[in-house]
Amino acid sequence: MKSRELVRLVFEGGWNAGDEVDTPMRGYRSHVWAELADGSRHRMTFYDVTRLAQTLEDDSQAGRPFFAEPGLVILTEVTLPNMEAAARTLAAEGFFEEQH
């Protein structure tokens, strides 16, 4: 059984003060991995509802009437505290144990 404890979120390119401002305004953050206590990493992509709707509309107009991303998590607002809280809760609930 894998550990159900989040150690940290790992961001490709890191996370800095600019990300604190830019990420909520963009409404998404991709290239994120949840690192668990057992050393495993699980890909996550975070969107807010507004950005998700815009992306789905853009894809639909381009002839792709769906949207999918590995480890997609929808948040009310894409902030570091919200991403961490979601990853911590999902880990505790065994979400990452279901992924292959």
C-alpha atoms as a PDB file:
ATOM      1  CA  MET A   1       0.000   0.000   0.000  1.00  0.00           C
ATOM      2  CA  LYS A   2       1.359   3.432  -0.920  1.00  0.00           C
ATOM      3  CA  SER A   3       1.734   6.128   1.674  1.00  0.00           C
ATOM      4  CA  ARG A   4      -1.221   8.487   1.797  1.00  0.00           C
ATOM      5  CA  GLU A   5       0.801  11.512   2.850  1.00  0.00           C
ATOM      6  CA  LEU A   6       1.660  14.439   0.593  1.00  0.00           C
ATOM      7  CA  VAL A   7       5.222  15.618   1.071  1.00  0.00           C
ATOM      8  CA  ARG A   8       5.122  18.495  -1.392  1.00  0.00           C
ATOM      9  CA  LEU A   9       4.057  19.729  -4.780  1.00  0.00           C
ATOM     10  CA  VAL A  10       6.839  19.873  -7.361  1.00  0.00           C
ATOM     11  CA  PHE A  11       6.491  22.494 -10.105  1.00  0.00           C
ATOM     12  CA  GLU A  12       8.375  22.284 -13.381  1.00  0.00           C
ATOM     13  CA  GLY A  13      10.335  25.517 -13.440  1.00  0.00           C
ATOM     14  CA  GLY A  14       9.741  26.013  -9.722  1.00  0.00           C
ATOM     15  CA  TRP A  15       7.318  28.329  -7.961  1.00  0.00           C
ATOM     16  CA  ASN A  16       8.140  31.972  -7.270  1.00  0.00           C
ATOM     17  CA  ALA A  17       6.529  35.245  -6.215  1.00  0.00           C
ATOM     18  CA  GLY A  18       5.434  35.935  -9.799  1.00  0.00           C
ATOM     19  CA  ASP A  19       3.545  32.645  -9.852  1.00  0.00           C
ATOM     20  CA  GLU A  20       1.573  33.786  -6.788  1.00  0.00           C
ATOM     21  CA  VAL A  21       0.072  36.563  -8.932  1.00  0.00           C
ATOM     22  CA  ASP A  22       0.089  35.035 -12.430  1.00  0.00           C
ATOM     23  CA  THR A  23      -1.350  31.600 -11.692  1.00  0.00           C
ATOM     24  CA  PRO A  24      -4.729  32.720 -10.280  1.00  0.00           C
ATOM     25  CA  MET A  25      -5.106  35.200 -13.158  1.00  0.00           C
ATOM     26  CA  ARG A  26      -4.368  32.506 -15.774  1.00  0.00           C
ATOM     27  CA  GLY A  27      -6.701  30.086 -14.035  1.00  0.00           C
ATOM     28  CA  TYR A  28      -4.525  27.028 -14.535  1.00  0.00           C
ATOM     29  CA  ARG A  29      -1.213  25.431 -13.652  1.00  0.00           C
ATOM     30  CA  SER A  30       0.148  22.379 -15.418  1.00  0.00           C
ATOM     31  CA  HIS A  31       3.394  20.416 -15.061  1.00  0.00           C
ATOM     32  CA  VAL A  32       2.844  19.805 -11.355  1.00  0.00           C
ATOM     33  CA  TRP A  33       3.614  16.589  -9.500  1.00  0.00           C
ATOM     34  CA  ALA A  34       2.361  15.513  -6.087  1.00  0.00           C
ATOM     35  CA  GLU A  35       5.233  13.851  -4.249  1.00  0.00           C
ATOM     36  CA  LEU A  36       4.123  11.366  -1.605  1.00  0.00           C
ATOM     37  CA  ALA A  37       5.991  10.083   1.448  1.00  0.00           C
ATOM     38  CA  ASP A  38       6.835   6.830  -0.354  1.00  0.00           C
ATOM     39  CA  GLY A  39       8.743   8.838  -2.997  1.00  0.00           C
ATOM     40  CA  SER A  40       6.169   8.364  -5.760  1.00  0.00           C
ATOM     41  CA  ARG A  41       5.197  11.313  -7.940  1.00  0.00           C
ATOM     42  CA  HIS A  42       1.833  11.815  -9.583  1.00  0.00           C
ATOM     43  CA  ARG A  43       1.102  14.331 -12.339  1.00  0.00           C
ATOM     44  CA  MET A  44      -1.507  16.969 -11.608  1.00  0.00           C
ATOM     45  CA  THR A  45      -3.060  19.758 -13.677  1.00  0.00           C
ATOM     46  CA  PHE A  46      -5.126  22.455 -11.985  1.00  0.00           C
ATOM     47  CA  TYR A  47      -7.851  24.584 -13.616  1.00  0.00           C
ATOM     48  CA  ASP A  48     -10.513  26.929 -12.358  1.00  0.00           C
ATOM     49  CA  VAL A  49     -14.021  26.686 -13.822  1.00  0.00           C
ATOM     50  CA  THR A  50     -13.723  29.835 -15.945  1.00  0.00           C
ATOM     51  CA  ARG A  51     -10.479  28.771 -17.622  1.00  0.00           C
ATOM     52  CA  LEU A  52     -11.769  25.232 -18.112  1.00  0.00           C
ATOM     53  CA  ALA A  53     -14.865  26.560 -19.910  1.00  0.00           C
ATOM     54  CA  GLN A  54     -12.697  28.795 -22.122  1.00  0.00           C
ATOM     55  CA  THR A  55     -10.378  25.916 -22.995  1.00  0.00           C
ATOM     56  CA  LEU A  56     -13.285  23.600 -23.761  1.00  0.00           C
ATOM     57  CA  GLU A  57     -14.879  26.247 -25.981  1.00  0.00           C
ATOM     58  CA  ASP A  58     -11.595  26.822 -27.847  1.00  0.00           C
ATOM     59  CA  ASP A  59     -11.070  23.091 -28.339  1.00  0.00           C
ATOM     60  CA  SER A  60     -14.679  22.643 -29.468  1.00  0.00           C
ATOM     61  CA  GLN A  61     -14.345  25.392 -32.075  1.00  0.00           C
ATOM     62  CA  ALA A  62     -11.196  23.656 -33.319  1.00  0.00           C
ATOM     63  CA  GLY A  63     -13.201  20.460 -33.884  1.00  0.00           C
ATOM     64  CA  ARG A  64     -12.321  18.733 -30.618  1.00  0.00           C
ATOM     65  CA  PRO A  65     -15.509  18.828 -28.499  1.00  0.00           C
ATOM     66  CA  PHE A  66     -13.841  17.555 -25.316  1.00  0.00           C
ATOM     67  CA  PHE A  67     -10.969  18.332 -22.970  1.00  0.00           C
ATOM     68  CA  ALA A  68      -8.816  15.934 -20.969  1.00  0.00           C
ATOM     69  CA  GLU A  69      -5.606  16.218 -18.994  1.00  0.00           C
ATOM     70  CA  PRO A  70      -3.880  13.645 -16.783  1.00  0.00           C
ATOM     71  CA  GLY A  71      -4.554  14.264 -13.108  1.00  0.00           C
ATOM     72  CA  LEU A  72      -7.032  17.075 -13.806  1.00  0.00           C
ATOM     73  CA  VAL A  73      -8.262  18.862 -10.670  1.00  0.00           C
ATOM     74  CA  ILE A  74     -10.792  21.702 -10.799  1.00  0.00           C
ATOM     75  CA  LEU A  75     -10.426  24.387  -8.138  1.00  0.00           C
ATOM     76  CA  THR A  76     -12.488  27.427  -7.214  1.00  0.00           C
ATOM     77  CA  GLU A  77      -9.264  29.447  -7.619  1.00  0.00           C
ATOM     78  CA  VAL A  78      -5.840  28.187  -8.700  1.00  0.00           C
ATOM     79  CA  THR A  79      -3.640  29.275  -5.809  1.00  0.00           C
ATOM     80  CA  LEU A  80      -0.793  27.488  -4.061  1.00  0.00           C
ATOM     81  CA  PRO A  81      -2.808  26.912  -0.858  1.00  0.00           C
ATOM     82  CA  ASN A  82      -5.734  25.493  -2.865  1.00  0.00           C
ATOM     83  CA  MET A  83      -3.477  23.227  -4.933  1.00  0.00           C
ATOM     84  CA  GLU A  84      -1.728  21.956  -1.802  1.00  0.00           C
ATOM     85  CA  ALA A  85      -5.019  21.378   0.015  1.00  0.00           C
ATOM     86  CA  ALA A  86      -6.457  19.461  -2.940  1.00  0.00           C
ATOM     87  CA  ALA A  87      -3.349  17.289  -3.312  1.00  0.00           C
ATOM     88  CA  ARG A  88      -3.180  16.616   0.437  1.00  0.00           C
ATOM     89  CA  THR A  89      -6.862  15.614   0.577  1.00  0.00           C
ATOM     90  CA  LEU A  90      -6.643  13.463  -2.551  1.00  0.00           C
ATOM     91  CA  ALA A  91      -3.569  11.678  -1.157  1.00  0.00           C
ATOM     92  CA  ALA A  92      -5.319  11.043   2.159  1.00  0.00           C
ATOM     93  CA  GLU A  93      -8.356   9.662   0.309  1.00  0.00           C
ATOM     94  CA  GLY A  94      -6.210   7.219  -1.681  1.00  0.00           C
ATOM     95  CA  PHE A  95      -6.717   8.960  -5.027  1.00  0.00           C
ATOM     96  CA  PHE A  96      -3.153   8.338  -6.165  1.00  0.00           C
ATOM     97  CA  GLU A  97      -3.370   4.660  -5.319  1.00  0.00           C
ATOM     98  CA  GLU A  98      -5.978   4.293  -8.065  1.00  0.00           C
ATOM     99  CA  GLN A  99      -3.671   5.665 -10.762  1.00  0.00           C
ATOM    100  CA  HIS A 100      -1.414   3.411 -12.787  1.00  0.00           C
END
